[in-house]
Amino acid sequence: MKPSPEELQNFVSAMKKKNDENDSSQDEMELNPEDLIKKLLSNSSIDVVKGDKIRVFKGDLKGLTGQVVSIEKDQVVFKPNYENFKENLIVDASYVAKYFEPGDDVRVIEG
């Protein structure tokens, strides 16, 4: 279920207030509230955003994990979790899912 425009506005206001209180600049991998709103309001089927950990579950790169660098149309650009591999890889967005490791902090917001 997508949030209403009022809920999104409340969310953005709260995020901006929190950022102002912390008086710290956003980390480049941190989610921008405006980017989240664009994603939620779009009809995109992409469930990952910049900075998410992902695992490829289909295709030639199946089993590979990494961190999302950017999303371009229906493609996910990510940095694989291999020390000696410096280049980013591109995979179809429908081939990836969010990936959580034991010990990761996860916030449940519904359900």
C-alpha atoms as a PDB file:
ATOM      1  CA  MET A   1       0.000   0.000   0.000  1.00  0.00           C
ATOM      2  CA  LYS A   2       1.372   3.387  -0.992  1.00  0.00           C
ATOM      3  CA  PRO A   3       1.286   6.261   1.508  1.00  0.00           C
ATOM      4  CA  SER A   4      -1.006   9.218   0.931  1.00  0.00           C
ATOM      5  CA  PRO A   5       0.447  12.591  -0.131  1.00  0.00           C
ATOM      6  CA  GLU A   6      -0.218  13.917   3.387  1.00  0.00           C
ATOM      7  CA  GLU A   7       1.737  11.055   4.943  1.00  0.00           C
ATOM      8  CA  LEU A   8       4.630  11.689   2.555  1.00  0.00           C
ATOM      9  CA  GLN A   9       4.651  15.394   3.423  1.00  0.00           C
ATOM     10  CA  ASN A  10       4.699  14.566   7.144  1.00  0.00           C
ATOM     11  CA  PHE A  11       7.562  12.152   6.546  1.00  0.00           C
ATOM     12  CA  VAL A  12       9.620  14.735   4.630  1.00  0.00           C
ATOM     13  CA  SER A  13       8.998  17.359   7.313  1.00  0.00           C
ATOM     14  CA  ALA A  14      10.103  14.947  10.051  1.00  0.00           C
ATOM     15  CA  MET A  15      13.241  13.920   8.120  1.00  0.00           C
ATOM     16  CA  LYS A  16      14.221  17.533   7.467  1.00  0.00           C
ATOM     17  CA  LYS A  17      13.660  18.398  11.134  1.00  0.00           C
ATOM     18  CA  LYS A  18      15.771  15.415  12.220  1.00  0.00           C
ATOM     19  CA  ASN A  19      18.577  16.418   9.824  1.00  0.00           C
ATOM     20  CA  ASP A  20      18.455  20.006  11.095  1.00  0.00           C
ATOM     21  CA  GLU A  21      18.597  18.855  14.734  1.00  0.00           C
ATOM     22  CA  ASN A  22      21.578  16.604  14.040  1.00  0.00           C
ATOM     23  CA  ASP A  23      23.199  19.485  12.119  1.00  0.00           C
ATOM     24  CA  SER A  24      25.165  17.017  10.041  1.00  0.00           C
ATOM     25  CA  SER A  25      25.481  16.762   6.300  1.00  0.00           C
ATOM     26  CA  GLN A  26      23.934  13.739   4.652  1.00  0.00           C
ATOM     27  CA  ASP A  27      26.179  10.807   3.900  1.00  0.00           C
ATOM     28  CA  GLU A  28      26.324  10.189   0.142  1.00  0.00           C
ATOM     29  CA  MET A  29      24.748   6.748   0.605  1.00  0.00           C
ATOM     30  CA  GLU A  30      21.969   8.036   2.892  1.00  0.00           C
ATOM     31  CA  LEU A  31      18.453   8.121   1.463  1.00  0.00           C
ATOM     32  CA  ASN A  32      17.157  11.569   0.560  1.00  0.00           C
ATOM     33  CA  PRO A  33      13.462  12.031   1.532  1.00  0.00           C
ATOM     34  CA  GLU A  34      12.650  13.597  -1.842  1.00  0.00           C
ATOM     35  CA  ASP A  35      14.164  10.601  -3.671  1.00  0.00           C
ATOM     36  CA  LEU A  36      12.053   8.267  -1.558  1.00  0.00           C
ATOM     37  CA  ILE A  37       8.892  10.212  -2.423  1.00  0.00           C
ATOM     38  CA  LYS A  38       9.676  10.025  -6.139  1.00  0.00           C
ATOM     39  CA  LYS A  39      10.165   6.277  -5.829  1.00  0.00           C
ATOM     40  CA  LEU A  40       6.972   5.747  -3.841  1.00  0.00           C
ATOM     41  CA  LEU A  41       4.852   7.846  -6.175  1.00  0.00           C
ATOM     42  CA  SER A  42       6.205   6.223  -9.307  1.00  0.00           C
ATOM     43  CA  ASN A  43       4.753   2.996 -10.606  1.00  0.00           C
ATOM     44  CA  SER A  44       8.210   1.448 -10.564  1.00  0.00           C
ATOM     45  CA  SER A  45       8.599  -2.142  -9.452  1.00  0.00           C
ATOM     46  CA  ILE A  46      12.114  -1.465  -8.162  1.00  0.00           C
ATOM     47  CA  ASP A  47      12.287  -2.243  -4.447  1.00  0.00           C
ATOM     48  CA  VAL A  48      15.848  -1.103  -3.794  1.00  0.00           C
ATOM     49  CA  VAL A  49      17.356   2.350  -3.398  1.00  0.00           C
ATOM     50  CA  LYS A  50      20.864   3.772  -3.402  1.00  0.00           C
ATOM     51  CA  GLY A  51      22.876   2.337  -0.513  1.00  0.00           C
ATOM     52  CA  ASP A  52      20.851  -0.868  -0.067  1.00  0.00           C
ATOM     53  CA  LYS A  53      22.611  -4.203   0.217  1.00  0.00           C
ATOM     54  CA  ILE A  54      21.409  -6.533  -2.508  1.00  0.00           C
ATOM     55  CA  ARG A  55      21.739 -10.134  -3.637  1.00  0.00           C
ATOM     56  CA  VAL A  56      21.344 -11.190  -7.256  1.00  0.00           C
ATOM     57  CA  PHE A  57      18.972 -14.162  -7.408  1.00  0.00           C
ATOM     58  CA  LYS A  58      18.674 -14.671 -11.156  1.00  0.00           C
ATOM     59  CA  GLY A  59      20.892 -14.569 -14.229  1.00  0.00           C
ATOM     60  CA  ASP A  60      24.632 -14.898 -14.768  1.00  0.00           C
ATOM     61  CA  LEU A  61      25.490 -13.053 -11.547  1.00  0.00           C
ATOM     62  CA  LYS A  62      23.248 -15.237  -9.356  1.00  0.00           C
ATOM     63  CA  GLY A  63      24.443 -15.380  -5.735  1.00  0.00           C
ATOM     64  CA  LEU A  64      26.511 -12.203  -5.942  1.00  0.00           C
ATOM     65  CA  THR A  65      26.000  -9.598  -3.202  1.00  0.00           C
ATOM     66  CA  GLY A  66      26.828  -5.919  -3.180  1.00  0.00           C
ATOM     67  CA  GLN A  67      25.699  -2.376  -2.470  1.00  0.00           C
ATOM     68  CA  VAL A  68      23.549  -0.258  -4.796  1.00  0.00           C
ATOM     69  CA  VAL A  69      25.431   2.704  -6.288  1.00  0.00           C
ATOM     70  CA  SER A  70      22.608   3.988  -8.500  1.00  0.00           C
ATOM     71  CA  ILE A  71      19.471   3.015 -10.338  1.00  0.00           C
ATOM     72  CA  GLU A  72      19.161   3.813 -14.040  1.00  0.00           C
ATOM     73  CA  LYS A  73      15.753   3.063 -15.582  1.00  0.00           C
ATOM     74  CA  ASP A  74      15.228  -0.664 -14.909  1.00  0.00           C
ATOM     75  CA  GLN A  75      18.904  -1.380 -14.231  1.00  0.00           C
ATOM     76  CA  VAL A  76      20.683  -1.474 -10.872  1.00  0.00           C
ATOM     77  CA  VAL A  77      24.326  -0.373 -10.739  1.00  0.00           C
ATOM     78  CA  PHE A  78      26.070  -1.951  -7.756  1.00  0.00           C
ATOM     79  CA  LYS A  79      29.499  -2.490  -6.232  1.00  0.00           C
ATOM     80  CA  PRO A  80      30.103  -6.195  -5.584  1.00  0.00           C
ATOM     81  CA  ASN A  81      31.328  -7.346  -2.158  1.00  0.00           C
ATOM     82  CA  TYR A  82      34.705  -8.570  -3.411  1.00  0.00           C
ATOM     83  CA  GLU A  83      37.928  -6.966  -2.182  1.00  0.00           C
ATOM     84  CA  ASN A  84      39.865  -7.099  -5.430  1.00  0.00           C
ATOM     85  CA  PHE A  85      36.934  -6.196  -7.689  1.00  0.00           C
ATOM     86  CA  LYS A  86      36.859  -2.415  -8.155  1.00  0.00           C
ATOM     87  CA  GLU A  87      34.374  -1.998 -11.024  1.00  0.00           C
ATOM     88  CA  ASN A  88      30.616  -1.530 -10.648  1.00  0.00           C
ATOM     89  CA  LEU A  89      28.291  -4.055 -12.256  1.00  0.00           C
ATOM     90  CA  ILE A  90      24.894  -3.532 -13.873  1.00  0.00           C
ATOM     91  CA  VAL A  91      22.015  -5.981 -13.550  1.00  0.00           C
ATOM     92  CA  ASP A  92      18.304  -5.902 -14.345  1.00  0.00           C
ATOM     93  CA  ALA A  93      16.323  -4.610 -11.347  1.00  0.00           C
ATOM     94  CA  SER A  94      13.993  -7.616 -11.450  1.00  0.00           C
ATOM     95  CA  TYR A  95      16.993  -9.883 -10.741  1.00  0.00           C
ATOM     96  CA  VAL A  96      17.855  -8.399  -7.328  1.00  0.00           C
ATOM     97  CA  ALA A  97      16.404  -8.320  -3.830  1.00  0.00           C
ATOM     98  CA  LYS A  98      17.378  -6.544  -0.648  1.00  0.00           C
ATOM     99  CA  TYR A  99      19.864  -8.516   1.387  1.00  0.00           C
ATOM    100  CA  PHE A 100      20.293  -8.498   5.157  1.00  0.00           C
ATOM    101  CA  GLU A 101      23.138 -10.046   7.106  1.00  0.00           C
ATOM    102  CA  PRO A 102      22.968 -11.223  10.722  1.00  0.00           C
ATOM    103  CA  GLY A 103      23.511  -8.223  12.967  1.00  0.00           C
ATOM    104  CA  ASP A 104      22.092  -5.634  10.537  1.00  0.00           C
ATOM    105  CA  ASP A 105      19.767  -3.061  12.086  1.00  0.00           C
ATOM    106  CA  VAL A 106      16.293  -3.306  10.589  1.00  0.00           C
ATOM    107  CA  ARG A 107      13.386  -1.040  11.457  1.00  0.00           C
ATOM    108  CA  VAL A 108       9.915  -2.546  11.084  1.00  0.00           C
ATOM    109  CA  ILE A 109       7.493   0.228  10.161  1.00  0.00           C
ATOM    110  CA  GLU A 110       4.353  -1.820   9.540  1.00  0.00           C
ATOM    111  CA  GLY A 111       2.919  -5.241  10.215  1.00  0.00           C
END
